[in-house]
Amino acid sequence: MGFASPIALAHWIMGDGKAKPHGLIFCTDSYTIKEVVRLMNVLMIRYRLDCTLIFHPSNENSFFTLFSLYLLY
């Protein structure tokens, strides 16, 4: 999975990541649940990131992946 290389992850964070006090949010609106879960598994296994799937109530198709920022430093 080349999309999960450290450089690809950095580009994704810069382009579509949102830093919040409780972690980092990736906007994954156009992804299916299956794709988001697969991405979360890769981030958890490869980078040992604490990922959580959050459903955004204002948009039925909007899902976010959230993880701890301190693990990326």
Protein backbone atom coordinates (compact mmCIF):
# COMPACT_ATOMS: atom_id res chain seq x y z
CA MET A 1 0.00 0.00 0.00
CA GLY A 2 2.00 2.91 -1.32
CA PHE A 3 -0.65 5.41 -0.25
CA ALA A 4 0.36 4.83 3.37
CA SER A 5 4.04 5.71 3.03
CA PRO A 6 5.28 8.42 5.43
CA ILE A 7 5.54 10.95 2.57
CA ALA A 8 2.07 10.11 1.24
CA LEU A 9 0.65 10.39 4.75
CA ALA A 10 2.33 13.81 5.17
CA HIS A 11 0.83 15.03 1.88
CA TRP A 12 -2.60 13.79 2.89
CA ILE A 13 -2.38 15.51 6.28
CA MET A 14 -1.33 18.80 4.64
CA GLY A 15 -4.04 18.59 1.98
CA ASP A 16 -7.03 17.15 3.81
CA GLY A 17 -6.14 16.87 7.48
CA LYS A 18 -7.53 18.99 10.28
CA ALA A 19 -5.64 19.35 13.55
CA LYS A 20 -7.91 19.43 16.59
CA PRO A 21 -6.98 19.50 20.29
CA HIS A 22 -7.95 15.83 20.62
CA GLY A 23 -6.15 14.63 17.49
CA LEU A 24 -6.10 14.77 13.71
CA ILE A 25 -9.13 14.42 11.48
CA PHE A 26 -9.04 13.11 7.92
CA CYS A 27 -12.09 14.03 5.89
CA THR A 28 -13.04 10.82 4.08
CA ASP A 29 -16.44 11.84 2.71
CA SER A 30 -15.97 10.09 -0.63
CA TYR A 31 -14.79 6.81 0.94
CA THR A 32 -17.01 3.84 1.70
CA ILE A 33 -17.11 2.45 5.24
CA LYS A 34 -15.09 -0.54 4.04
CA GLU A 35 -12.37 1.74 2.61
CA VAL A 36 -12.21 3.84 5.80
CA VAL A 37 -11.91 0.73 7.97
CA ARG A 38 -9.15 -0.62 5.70
CA LEU A 39 -7.30 2.69 5.94
CA MET A 40 -7.68 2.71 9.71
CA ASN A 41 -6.28 -0.83 9.90
CA VAL A 42 -3.23 0.18 7.85
CA LEU A 43 -2.63 3.25 10.05
CA MET A 44 -3.05 1.21 13.24
CA ILE A 45 -0.79 -1.65 12.14
CA ARG A 46 1.91 0.25 10.25
CA TYR A 47 2.14 3.37 12.42
CA ARG A 48 0.50 2.18 15.68
CA LEU A 49 -1.94 5.09 15.53
CA ASP A 50 -5.05 5.15 17.67
CA CYS A 51 -7.84 5.50 15.08
CA THR A 52 -11.55 5.99 15.65
CA LEU A 53 -14.40 6.09 13.15
CA ILE A 54 -16.74 9.02 13.73
CA PHE A 55 -20.04 9.57 11.94
CA HIS A 56 -20.80 13.23 11.32
CA PRO A 57 -24.54 13.79 11.93
CA SER A 58 -24.93 16.77 9.58
CA ASN A 59 -23.92 14.71 6.53
CA GLU A 60 -25.07 11.10 6.18
CA ASN A 61 -22.10 10.14 4.00
CA SER A 62 -19.38 11.85 6.00
CA PHE A 63 -16.90 9.81 7.99
CA PHE A 64 -13.72 10.86 9.70
CA THR A 65 -10.63 9.09 10.90
CA LEU A 66 -9.21 10.52 14.09
CA PHE A 67 -5.91 9.68 15.74
CA SER A 68 -3.42 11.01 18.24
CA LEU A 69 -1.04 13.64 16.90
CA TYR A 70 1.74 12.96 19.38
CA LEU A 71 2.46 9.59 17.73
CA LEU A 72 3.50 11.35 14.51
CA TYR A 73 6.22 13.47 16.13
